[in-house]
Amino acid sequence: MFAPVTWPLAHGRSLLLGQEAVVMGVLNVTPDSFSDGGKFNRVDAAIAQAEAMIRDGAAIIDVGGESTRPGAAAVTAAEEQARVMPLIEVLGARGDVVVSVDTYREETARLAVAAGAHIVNDVWGLQREPGIARVAAETGAGLVVMHTGRDRERLEDPIADQMIFLRRSLEIARDAGVLLPQIVLDPGFGFAKETTEINLDIMARFTALHDLGRPLLVGTSRKRFIGSVTGRQPEQRGSGTAATSVILRLQGAAIFRVHDVAINVDALRFADAMVSRGLGAGTGRAYQPQQENGT
């Protein structure tokens, strides 16, 4: 699960996953995201925040234009695009950072990749607008496929539900022509995992997800279950987030989507130092990325 694997991205870019933790900085250009809504919805403020996260060690900046918190107001595709496109154009031209667009809309994904985004991050796991998989297939973009329990019946066992949902997402991607190496999976911490216990159970059993055969991205940052454990408000959950990052890194997670970049970079460097000494992956199973022709 720590074996190096190359993640091919749009515009001829790639990232090496597995050997060292990769940090993805969260950049919400929204007025209503749960912990940073309204802080970066001006282009100049968003660019300044992106530059700060890059200095702190983020290899990826994930730009989102619609809040995914429970109960958030929906926005139109045009409004989402008006928020994210100016920032993606600026960041995509830099060359010193990989740019991800956080969207479930095929149209937004297509425009964002054309403007310079390298990754499409779909919180609905290709199961709301399956056409988003065609964008990845046609452009070569990296594709993050997230598990969600929203608007669907779920199995009582959270890992079994992960397996069923994500295997269906992988089928959608395959049928659209997405190459398997393009895909990273995300268990979707906090997305219709209503209790602290469900999220902790997924963390405790995380190594089971390696059976899906793809690198794993985790997004625990500032989530409610961290507040439940620590008693902290969202903007005070950086240390708690870093603790979950270390736990999940030792279980083989590859990418860490966080708001507080510096503290997580430091924590993950220490986790990587321990991985290099043989600590981690407590089950003893070695992750071997699937290599297939085509998908």
C-alpha atoms as a PDB file:
ATOM      1  CA  MET A   1       0.000   0.000   0.000  1.00  0.00           C
ATOM      2  CA  PHE A   2       3.053   2.259   0.121  1.00  0.00           C
ATOM      3  CA  ALA A   3       4.362   1.094  -3.253  1.00  0.00           C
ATOM      4  CA  PRO A   4       4.928   4.062  -5.590  1.00  0.00           C
ATOM      5  CA  VAL A   5       2.433   4.469  -8.405  1.00  0.00           C
ATOM      6  CA  THR A   6       2.209   7.235 -11.005  1.00  0.00           C
ATOM      7  CA  TRP A   7      -1.092   9.116 -11.195  1.00  0.00           C
ATOM      8  CA  PRO A   8      -1.492  10.531 -14.724  1.00  0.00           C
ATOM      9  CA  LEU A   9      -3.233  13.898 -14.931  1.00  0.00           C
ATOM     10  CA  ALA A  10      -4.417  16.318 -17.610  1.00  0.00           C
ATOM     11  CA  HIS A  11      -2.020  18.529 -19.577  1.00  0.00           C
ATOM     12  CA  GLY A  12       0.796  15.996 -19.389  1.00  0.00           C
ATOM     13  CA  ARG A  13       1.210  16.274 -15.623  1.00  0.00           C
ATOM     14  CA  SER A  14       1.501  13.423 -13.142  1.00  0.00           C
ATOM     15  CA  LEU A  15       2.015  12.822  -9.428  1.00  0.00           C
ATOM     16  CA  LEU A  16       3.838  10.023  -7.640  1.00  0.00           C
ATOM     17  CA  LEU A  17       1.586   8.487  -4.992  1.00  0.00           C
ATOM     18  CA  GLY A  18       2.250   6.022  -2.218  1.00  0.00           C
ATOM     19  CA  GLN A  19       5.882   6.522  -1.320  1.00  0.00           C
ATOM     20  CA  GLU A  20       5.302   9.868   0.412  1.00  0.00           C
ATOM     21  CA  ALA A  21       2.088  11.547   1.529  1.00  0.00           C
ATOM     22  CA  VAL A  22       0.645  14.138  -0.858  1.00  0.00           C
ATOM     23  CA  VAL A  23      -1.248  17.114   0.585  1.00  0.00           C
ATOM     24  CA  MET A  24      -4.188  18.721  -1.215  1.00  0.00           C
ATOM     25  CA  GLY A  25      -5.138  22.183   0.019  1.00  0.00           C
ATOM     26  CA  VAL A  26      -8.849  23.034   0.224  1.00  0.00           C
ATOM     27  CA  LEU A  27      -9.815  26.321  -1.421  1.00  0.00           C
ATOM     28  CA  ASN A  28     -13.546  27.013  -1.242  1.00  0.00           C
ATOM     29  CA  VAL A  29     -14.551  30.071  -3.254  1.00  0.00           C
ATOM     30  CA  THR A  30     -18.007  30.025  -1.697  1.00  0.00           C
ATOM     31  CA  PRO A  31     -19.954  32.212   0.737  1.00  0.00           C
ATOM     32  CA  ASP A  32     -21.274  29.306   2.813  1.00  0.00           C
ATOM     33  CA  SER A  33     -18.801  26.438   3.228  1.00  0.00           C
ATOM     34  CA  PHE A  34     -18.908  25.031   6.742  1.00  0.00           C
ATOM     35  CA  SER A  35     -15.601  26.372   8.094  1.00  0.00           C
ATOM     36  CA  ASP A  36     -14.244  28.950   5.654  1.00  0.00           C
ATOM     37  CA  GLY A  37     -17.271  30.217   3.742  1.00  0.00           C
ATOM     38  CA  GLY A  38     -16.871  33.791   2.530  1.00  0.00           C
ATOM     39  CA  LYS A  39     -13.160  34.072   3.314  1.00  0.00           C
ATOM     40  CA  PHE A  40     -11.873  33.425  -0.202  1.00  0.00           C
ATOM     41  CA  ASN A  41     -14.740  34.301  -2.535  1.00  0.00           C
ATOM     42  CA  ARG A  42     -12.750  37.211  -4.017  1.00  0.00           C
ATOM     43  CA  VAL A  43     -10.144  36.227  -6.588  1.00  0.00           C
ATOM     44  CA  ASP A  44      -7.336  38.183  -4.914  1.00  0.00           C
ATOM     45  CA  ALA A  45      -8.031  36.619  -1.513  1.00  0.00           C
ATOM     46  CA  ALA A  46      -8.282  33.155  -3.057  1.00  0.00           C
ATOM     47  CA  ILE A  47      -4.973  33.548  -4.917  1.00  0.00           C
ATOM     48  CA  ALA A  48      -3.268  34.728  -1.731  1.00  0.00           C
ATOM     49  CA  GLN A  49      -4.593  31.696   0.150  1.00  0.00           C
ATOM     50  CA  ALA A  50      -3.473  29.359  -2.630  1.00  0.00           C
ATOM     51  CA  GLU A  51       0.018  30.871  -2.537  1.00  0.00           C
ATOM     52  CA  ALA A  52       0.159  30.411   1.234  1.00  0.00           C
ATOM     53  CA  MET A  53      -0.865  26.757   0.954  1.00  0.00           C
ATOM     54  CA  ILE A  54       1.735  26.138  -1.766  1.00  0.00           C
ATOM     55  CA  ARG A  55       4.433  27.676   0.455  1.00  0.00           C
ATOM     56  CA  ASP A  56       3.284  25.432   3.293  1.00  0.00           C
ATOM     57  CA  GLY A  57       3.746  22.329   1.157  1.00  0.00           C
ATOM     58  CA  ALA A  58       0.501  21.635  -0.703  1.00  0.00           C
ATOM     59  CA  ALA A  59       1.139  19.802  -3.973  1.00  0.00           C
ATOM     60  CA  ILE A  60      -2.500  20.155  -5.098  1.00  0.00           C
ATOM     61  CA  ILE A  61      -5.012  22.989  -4.719  1.00  0.00           C
ATOM     62  CA  ASP A  62      -8.636  21.815  -4.812  1.00  0.00           C
ATOM     63  CA  VAL A  63     -10.956  24.619  -5.942  1.00  0.00           C
ATOM     64  CA  GLY A  64     -14.657  24.343  -5.129  1.00  0.00           C
ATOM     65  CA  GLY A  65     -17.492  26.675  -6.041  1.00  0.00           C
ATOM     66  CA  GLU A  66     -20.441  25.020  -4.292  1.00  0.00           C
ATOM     67  CA  SER A  67     -20.657  24.163  -0.621  1.00  0.00           C
ATOM     68  CA  THR A  68     -21.155  20.460   0.094  1.00  0.00           C
ATOM     69  CA  ARG A  69     -22.086  20.892   3.761  1.00  0.00           C
ATOM     70  CA  PRO A  70     -25.454  19.390   4.789  1.00  0.00           C
ATOM     71  CA  GLY A  71     -28.297  21.797   4.049  1.00  0.00           C
ATOM     72  CA  ALA A  72     -26.231  24.124   1.861  1.00  0.00           C
ATOM     73  CA  ALA A  73     -28.132  26.048  -0.789  1.00  0.00           C
ATOM     74  CA  ALA A  74     -27.730  24.701  -4.312  1.00  0.00           C
ATOM     75  CA  VAL A  75     -26.136  26.937  -6.931  1.00  0.00           C
ATOM     76  CA  THR A  76     -26.506  26.944 -10.685  1.00  0.00           C
ATOM     77  CA  ALA A  77     -23.786  25.677 -12.976  1.00  0.00           C
ATOM     78  CA  ALA A  78     -23.241  29.238 -14.215  1.00  0.00           C
ATOM     79  CA  GLU A  79     -22.760  30.528 -10.671  1.00  0.00           C
ATOM     80  CA  GLU A  80     -20.348  27.716  -9.810  1.00  0.00           C
ATOM     81  CA  GLN A  81     -18.328  28.383 -12.948  1.00  0.00           C
ATOM     82  CA  ALA A  82     -18.219  32.135 -12.313  1.00  0.00           C
ATOM     83  CA  ARG A  83     -16.656  31.389  -8.929  1.00  0.00           C
ATOM     84  CA  VAL A  84     -14.051  28.804  -9.911  1.00  0.00           C
ATOM     85  CA  MET A  85     -12.956  29.614 -13.455  1.00  0.00           C
ATOM     86  CA  PRO A  86     -10.986  32.839 -12.809  1.00  0.00           C
ATOM     87  CA  LEU A  87      -8.967  31.123 -10.083  1.00  0.00           C
ATOM     88  CA  ILE A  88      -8.348  27.946 -12.096  1.00  0.00           C
ATOM     89  CA  GLU A  89      -7.085  30.017 -15.019  1.00  0.00           C
ATOM     90  CA  VAL A  90      -4.550  31.769 -12.771  1.00  0.00           C
ATOM     91  CA  LEU A  91      -3.404  28.674 -10.881  1.00  0.00           C
ATOM     92  CA  GLY A  92      -3.339  26.492 -13.998  1.00  0.00           C
ATOM     93  CA  ALA A  93      -0.868  28.866 -15.621  1.00  0.00           C
ATOM     94  CA  ARG A  94       1.605  28.739 -12.712  1.00  0.00           C
ATOM     95  CA  GLY A  95       3.243  25.388 -13.346  1.00  0.00           C
ATOM     96  CA  ASP A  96       4.304  24.879  -9.712  1.00  0.00           C
ATOM     97  CA  VAL A  97       1.095  23.297  -8.433  1.00  0.00           C
ATOM     98  CA  VAL A  98      -1.478  20.754  -9.547  1.00  0.00           C
ATOM     99  CA  VAL A  99      -5.018  22.139  -9.765  1.00  0.00           C
ATOM    100  CA  SER A 100      -8.147  20.157  -8.911  1.00  0.00           C
ATOM    101  CA  VAL A 101     -11.743  21.219  -9.472  1.00  0.00           C
ATOM    102  CA  ASP A 102     -14.277  20.056  -6.880  1.00  0.00           C
ATOM    103  CA  THR A 103     -17.441  19.540  -8.909  1.00  0.00           C
ATOM    104  CA  TYR A 104     -20.011  16.903  -9.838  1.00  0.00           C
ATOM    105  CA  ARG A 105     -21.109  18.739 -13.009  1.00  0.00           C
ATOM    106  CA  GLU A 106     -19.880  17.515 -16.381  1.00  0.00           C
ATOM    107  CA  GLU A 107     -20.022  21.006 -17.902  1.00  0.00           C
ATOM    108  CA  THR A 108     -18.030  22.615 -15.092  1.00  0.00           C
ATOM    109  CA  ALA A 109     -15.452  19.825 -15.169  1.00  0.00           C
ATOM    110  CA  ARG A 110     -14.973  20.184 -18.924  1.00  0.00           C
ATOM    111  CA  LEU A 111     -14.538  23.950 -18.749  1.00  0.00           C
ATOM    112  CA  ALA A 112     -12.212  23.706 -15.745  1.00  0.00           C
ATOM    113  CA  VAL A 113      -9.882  21.192 -17.401  1.00  0.00           C
ATOM    114  CA  ALA A 114      -9.809  23.316 -20.551  1.00  0.00           C
ATOM    115  CA  ALA A 115      -8.840  26.282 -18.374  1.00  0.00           C
ATOM    116  CA  GLY A 116      -5.938  24.438 -16.757  1.00  0.00           C
ATOM    117  CA  ALA A 117      -7.266  22.044 -14.095  1.00  0.00           C
ATOM    118  CA  HIS A 118      -5.464  18.700 -13.910  1.00  0.00           C
ATOM    119  CA  ILE A 119      -7.887  16.749 -11.673  1.00  0.00           C
ATOM    120  CA  VAL A 120     -11.657  16.411 -11.360  1.00  0.00           C
ATOM    121  CA  ASN A 121     -12.856  15.676  -7.823  1.00  0.00           C
ATOM    122  CA  ASP A 122     -16.441  14.351  -7.809  1.00  0.00           C
ATOM    123  CA  VAL A 123     -18.132  14.107  -4.411  1.00  0.00           C
ATOM    124  CA  TRP A 124     -20.991  12.100  -5.941  1.00  0.00           C
ATOM    125  CA  GLY A 125     -18.717   9.357  -7.230  1.00  0.00           C
ATOM    126  CA  LEU A 126     -19.865   9.701 -10.880  1.00  0.00           C
ATOM    127  CA  GLN A 127     -23.359   8.657  -9.809  1.00  0.00           C
ATOM    128  CA  ARG A 128     -25.108  12.026 -10.090  1.00  0.00           C
ATOM    129  CA  GLU A 129     -23.767  13.138 -13.478  1.00  0.00           C
ATOM    130  CA  PRO A 130     -22.064  10.064 -14.971  1.00  0.00           C
ATOM    131  CA  GLY A 131     -20.983  12.168 -17.947  1.00  0.00           C
ATOM    132  CA  ILE A 132     -18.252  13.605 -15.765  1.00  0.00           C
ATOM    133  CA  ALA A 133     -16.385  10.346 -16.404  1.00  0.00           C
ATOM    134  CA  ARG A 134     -16.346  11.166 -20.119  1.00  0.00           C
ATOM    135  CA  VAL A 135     -14.496  14.379 -19.329  1.00  0.00           C
ATOM    136  CA  ALA A 136     -11.737  12.409 -17.622  1.00  0.00           C
ATOM    137  CA  ALA A 137     -11.640   9.871 -20.448  1.00  0.00           C
ATOM    138  CA  GLU A 138     -11.400  12.532 -23.146  1.00  0.00           C
ATOM    139  CA  THR A 139      -8.931  14.852 -21.400  1.00  0.00           C
ATOM    140  CA  GLY A 140      -6.757  12.443 -19.422  1.00  0.00           C
ATOM    141  CA  ALA A 141      -7.590  14.254 -16.197  1.00  0.00           C
ATOM    142  CA  GLY A 142      -6.999  12.597 -12.863  1.00  0.00           C
ATOM    143  CA  LEU A 143     -10.316  11.544 -11.354  1.00  0.00           C
ATOM    144  CA  VAL A 144     -11.153  11.450  -7.642  1.00  0.00           C
ATOM    145  CA  VAL A 145     -14.219   9.281  -7.045  1.00  0.00           C
ATOM    146  CA  MET A 146     -15.801   9.808  -3.632  1.00  0.00           C
ATOM    147  CA  HIS A 147     -18.227   7.623  -1.711  1.00  0.00           C
ATOM    148  CA  THR A 148     -21.370   9.296  -0.455  1.00  0.00           C
ATOM    149  CA  GLY A 149     -24.412   8.061   1.398  1.00  0.00           C
ATOM    150  CA  ARG A 150     -26.580  10.998   0.408  1.00  0.00           C
ATOM    151  CA  ASP A 151     -29.907  10.412  -1.369  1.00  0.00           C
ATOM    152  CA  ARG A 152     -29.584   6.624  -1.366  1.00  0.00           C
ATOM    153  CA  GLU A 153     -30.246   3.606   0.788  1.00  0.00           C
ATOM    154  CA  ARG A 154     -27.159   2.422   2.621  1.00  0.00           C
ATOM    155  CA  LEU A 155     -26.016  -0.870   4.005  1.00  0.00           C
ATOM    156  CA  GLU A 156     -25.708  -1.037   7.768  1.00  0.00           C
ATOM    157  CA  ASP A 157     -22.036  -1.997   7.553  1.00  0.00           C
ATOM    158  CA  PRO A 158     -20.131   1.131   6.403  1.00  0.00           C
ATOM    159  CA  ILE A 159     -17.267  -0.754   4.743  1.00  0.00           C
ATOM    160  CA  ALA A 160     -19.644  -3.036   2.834  1.00  0.00           C
ATOM    161  CA  ASP A 161     -21.475   0.085   1.649  1.00  0.00           C
ATOM    162  CA  GLN A 162     -18.178   1.608   0.524  1.00  0.00           C
ATOM    163  CA  MET A 163     -17.401  -1.477  -1.518  1.00  0.00           C
ATOM    164  CA  ILE A 164     -20.746  -1.626  -3.297  1.00  0.00           C
ATOM    165  CA  PHE A 165     -20.867   2.096  -4.089  1.00  0.00           C
ATOM    166  CA  LEU A 166     -17.253   2.492  -5.199  1.00  0.00           C
ATOM    167  CA  ARG A 167     -17.293  -0.664  -7.325  1.00  0.00           C
ATOM    168  CA  ARG A 168     -20.305   0.764  -9.147  1.00  0.00           C
ATOM    169  CA  SER A 169     -18.393   4.031  -9.646  1.00  0.00           C
ATOM    170  CA  LEU A 170     -15.443   2.106 -11.070  1.00  0.00           C
ATOM    171  CA  GLU A 171     -17.803   0.403 -13.526  1.00  0.00           C
ATOM    172  CA  ILE A 172     -19.141   3.783 -14.658  1.00  0.00           C
ATOM    173  CA  ALA A 173     -15.603   5.049 -15.168  1.00  0.00           C
ATOM    174  CA  ARG A 174     -14.575   1.923 -17.079  1.00  0.00           C
ATOM    175  CA  ASP A 175     -17.615   2.090 -19.354  1.00  0.00           C
ATOM    176  CA  ALA A 176     -16.811   5.741 -20.144  1.00  0.00           C
ATOM    177  CA  GLY A 177     -13.273   4.836 -21.152  1.00  0.00           C
ATOM    178  CA  VAL A 178     -11.397   6.159 -18.116  1.00  0.00           C
ATOM    179  CA  LEU A 179      -8.069   4.384 -17.668  1.00  0.00           C
ATOM    180  CA  LEU A 180      -7.733   2.721 -14.284  1.00  0.00           C
ATOM    181  CA  PRO A 181      -4.465   4.535 -13.404  1.00  0.00           C
ATOM    182  CA  GLN A 182      -6.359   7.855 -13.633  1.00  0.00           C
ATOM    183  CA  ILE A 183      -8.601   6.970 -10.683  1.00  0.00           C
ATOM    184  CA  VAL A 184      -8.153   7.706  -6.985  1.00  0.00           C
ATOM    185  CA  LEU A 185     -10.869   6.720  -4.487  1.00  0.00           C
ATOM    186  CA  ASP A 186     -12.138   8.664  -1.469  1.00  0.00           C
ATOM    187  CA  PRO A 187     -14.241   7.093   1.334  1.00  0.00           C
ATOM    188  CA  GLY A 188     -16.038  10.409   1.891  1.00  0.00           C
ATOM    189  CA  PHE A 189     -15.641  10.975   5.604  1.00  0.00           C
ATOM    190  CA  GLY A 190     -18.605  12.968   6.909  1.00  0.00           C
ATOM    191  CA  PHE A 191     -20.757  12.610   3.794  1.00  0.00           C
ATOM    192  CA  ALA A 192     -23.918  11.015   5.201  1.00  0.00           C
ATOM    193  CA  LYS A 193     -21.845   9.347   7.893  1.00  0.00           C
ATOM    194  CA  GLU A 194     -23.995  10.976  10.531  1.00  0.00           C
ATOM    195  CA  THR A 195     -22.391   9.647  13.697  1.00  0.00           C
ATOM    196  CA  THR A 196     -18.902   9.851  15.094  1.00  0.00           C
ATOM    197  CA  GLU A 197     -18.942   6.080  15.435  1.00  0.00           C
ATOM    198  CA  ILE A 198     -19.437   5.502  11.691  1.00  0.00           C
ATOM    199  CA  ASN A 199     -16.484   7.728  10.801  1.00  0.00           C
ATOM    200  CA  LEU A 200     -14.263   6.144  13.450  1.00  0.00           C
ATOM    201  CA  ASP A 201     -15.283   2.687  12.235  1.00  0.00           C
ATOM    202  CA  ILE A 202     -14.183   3.556   8.702  1.00  0.00           C
ATOM    203  CA  MET A 203     -10.882   4.836  10.086  1.00  0.00           C
ATOM    204  CA  ALA A 204     -10.361   1.700  12.179  1.00  0.00           C
ATOM    205  CA  ARG A 205     -11.078  -0.599   9.211  1.00  0.00           C
ATOM    206  CA  PHE A 206      -9.495   1.592   6.555  1.00  0.00           C
ATOM    207  CA  THR A 207      -7.076  -1.022   5.222  1.00  0.00           C
ATOM    208  CA  ALA A 208     -10.049  -3.025   3.903  1.00  0.00           C
ATOM    209  CA  LEU A 209     -10.498  -0.340   1.236  1.00  0.00           C
ATOM    210  CA  HIS A 210      -7.193  -1.304  -0.369  1.00  0.00           C
ATOM    211  CA  ASP A 211      -9.029  -4.328  -1.752  1.00  0.00           C
ATOM    212  CA  LEU A 212     -10.475  -1.900  -4.319  1.00  0.00           C
ATOM    213  CA  GLY A 213      -7.006  -1.669  -5.824  1.00  0.00           C
ATOM    214  CA  ARG A 214      -6.696   2.097  -6.176  1.00  0.00           C
ATOM    215  CA  PRO A 215      -4.813   4.772  -4.211  1.00  0.00           C
ATOM    216  CA  LEU A 216      -6.922   6.441  -1.532  1.00  0.00           C
ATOM    217  CA  LEU A 217      -7.560  10.111  -0.797  1.00  0.00           C
ATOM    218  CA  VAL A 218      -8.975  11.135   2.579  1.00  0.00           C
ATOM    219  CA  GLY A 219     -10.805  14.304   3.544  1.00  0.00           C
ATOM    220  CA  THR A 220     -11.292  14.380   7.305  1.00  0.00           C
ATOM    221  CA  SER A 221     -10.349  18.045   7.609  1.00  0.00           C
ATOM    222  CA  ARG A 222     -12.301  19.946  10.274  1.00  0.00           C
ATOM    223  CA  LYS A 223     -15.187  17.472  10.006  1.00  0.00           C
ATOM    224  CA  ARG A 224     -17.860  17.289  12.685  1.00  0.00           C
ATOM    225  CA  PHE A 225     -16.664  13.956  14.040  1.00  0.00           C
ATOM    226  CA  ILE A 226     -13.292  15.538  14.830  1.00  0.00           C
ATOM    227  CA  GLY A 227     -15.114  18.207  16.786  1.00  0.00           C
ATOM    228  CA  SER A 228     -17.071  15.516  18.588  1.00  0.00           C
ATOM    229  CA  VAL A 229     -13.867  13.833  19.726  1.00  0.00           C
ATOM    230  CA  THR A 230     -11.864  16.986  20.521  1.00  0.00           C
ATOM    231  CA  GLY A 231     -14.587  19.419  21.564  1.00  0.00           C
ATOM    232  CA  ARG A 232     -13.170  22.007  19.154  1.00  0.00           C
ATOM    233  CA  GLN A 233     -14.924  24.360  16.744  1.00  0.00           C
ATOM    234  CA  PRO A 234     -14.192  23.954  13.001  1.00  0.00           C
ATOM    235  CA  GLU A 235     -11.330  26.452  12.756  1.00  0.00           C
ATOM    236  CA  GLN A 236      -9.694  24.884  15.841  1.00  0.00           C
ATOM    237  CA  ARG A 237      -9.624  21.354  14.426  1.00  0.00           C
ATOM    238  CA  GLY A 238      -6.256  21.490  12.652  1.00  0.00           C
ATOM    239  CA  SER A 239      -4.488  19.382  15.283  1.00  0.00           C
ATOM    240  CA  GLY A 240      -7.300  16.841  15.370  1.00  0.00           C
ATOM    241  CA  THR A 241      -7.213  16.661  11.593  1.00  0.00           C
ATOM    242  CA  ALA A 242      -3.453  16.091  11.664  1.00  0.00           C
ATOM    243  CA  ALA A 243      -3.955  13.219  14.098  1.00  0.00           C
ATOM    244  CA  THR A 244      -6.393  11.542  11.698  1.00  0.00           C
ATOM    245  CA  SER A 245      -3.960  12.162   8.829  1.00  0.00           C
ATOM    246  CA  VAL A 246      -1.205  10.283  10.662  1.00  0.00           C
ATOM    247  CA  ILE A 247      -3.528   7.389  11.557  1.00  0.00           C
ATOM    248  CA  LEU A 248      -4.713   7.064   7.969  1.00  0.00           C
ATOM    249  CA  ARG A 249      -1.233   7.478   6.488  1.00  0.00           C
ATOM    250  CA  LEU A 250       0.000   4.558   8.578  1.00  0.00           C
ATOM    251  CA  GLN A 251      -2.859   2.583   7.032  1.00  0.00           C
ATOM    252  CA  GLY A 252      -1.815   3.480   3.515  1.00  0.00           C
ATOM    253  CA  ALA A 253      -3.772   6.607   2.533  1.00  0.00           C
ATOM    254  CA  ALA A 254      -1.959   8.481  -0.236  1.00  0.00           C
ATOM    255  CA  ILE A 255      -3.534  11.966  -0.503  1.00  0.00           C
ATOM    256  CA  PHE A 256      -4.790  14.229   2.296  1.00  0.00           C
ATOM    257  CA  ARG A 257      -7.321  16.960   1.543  1.00  0.00           C
ATOM    258  CA  VAL A 258      -6.949  19.581   4.287  1.00  0.00           C
ATOM    259  CA  HIS A 259      -7.629  23.205   5.176  1.00  0.00           C
ATOM    260  CA  ASP A 260      -4.649  23.587   7.537  1.00  0.00           C
ATOM    261  CA  VAL A 261      -1.749  22.661   5.284  1.00  0.00           C
ATOM    262  CA  ALA A 262       1.347  23.354   7.422  1.00  0.00           C
ATOM    263  CA  ILE A 263       0.374  21.283  10.461  1.00  0.00           C
ATOM    264  CA  ASN A 264      -0.683  18.359   8.294  1.00  0.00           C
ATOM    265  CA  VAL A 265       2.482  18.513   6.188  1.00  0.00           C
ATOM    266  CA  ASP A 266       4.591  18.318   9.349  1.00  0.00           C
ATOM    267  CA  ALA A 267       2.530  15.483  10.829  1.00  0.00           C
ATOM    268  CA  LEU A 268       2.661  13.515   7.597  1.00  0.00           C
ATOM    269  CA  ARG A 269       6.426  13.956   7.253  1.00  0.00           C
ATOM    270  CA  PHE A 270       6.750  12.277  10.617  1.00  0.00           C
ATOM    271  CA  ALA A 271       4.346   9.537   9.569  1.00  0.00           C
ATOM    272  CA  ASP A 272       6.394   9.000   6.403  1.00  0.00           C
ATOM    273  CA  ALA A 273       9.553   8.762   8.493  1.00  0.00           C
ATOM    274  CA  MET A 274       7.935   5.939  10.457  1.00  0.00           C
ATOM    275  CA  VAL A 275       6.658   4.255   7.291  1.00  0.00           C
ATOM    276  CA  SER A 276      10.233   4.233   5.994  1.00  0.00           C
ATOM    277  CA  ARG A 277      11.184   2.316   9.143  1.00  0.00           C
ATOM    278  CA  GLY A 278       8.520  -0.298   8.565  1.00  0.00           C
ATOM    279  CA  LEU A 279       5.703   1.030  10.758  1.00  0.00           C
ATOM    280  CA  GLY A 280       2.264   1.029   9.201  1.00  0.00           C
ATOM    281  CA  ALA A 281      -0.224  -1.135   7.326  1.00  0.00           C
ATOM    282  CA  GLY A 282      -0.939  -3.164  10.432  1.00  0.00           C
ATOM    283  CA  THR A 283      -2.582  -6.003   8.531  1.00  0.00           C
ATOM    284  CA  GLY A 284       0.683  -6.732   6.756  1.00  0.00           C
ATOM    285  CA  ARG A 285      -1.031  -6.692   3.360  1.00  0.00           C
ATOM    286  CA  ALA A 286       0.965  -4.953   0.680  1.00  0.00           C
ATOM    287  CA  TYR A 287      -0.944  -2.655  -1.661  1.00  0.00           C
ATOM    288  CA  GLN A 288      -0.201  -3.546  -5.250  1.00  0.00           C
ATOM    289  CA  PRO A 289      -1.825  -1.130  -7.693  1.00  0.00           C
ATOM    290  CA  GLN A 290      -3.767  -2.859 -10.428  1.00  0.00           C
ATOM    291  CA  GLN A 291      -2.130  -2.671 -13.812  1.00  0.00           C
ATOM    292  CA  GLU A 292      -4.472  -3.258 -16.697  1.00  0.00           C
ATOM    293  CA  ASN A 293      -4.485  -2.507 -20.359  1.00  0.00           C
ATOM    294  CA  GLY A 294      -7.178   0.029 -21.084  1.00  0.00           C
ATOM    295  CA  THR A 295      -9.268   0.341 -17.925  1.00  0.00           C
END
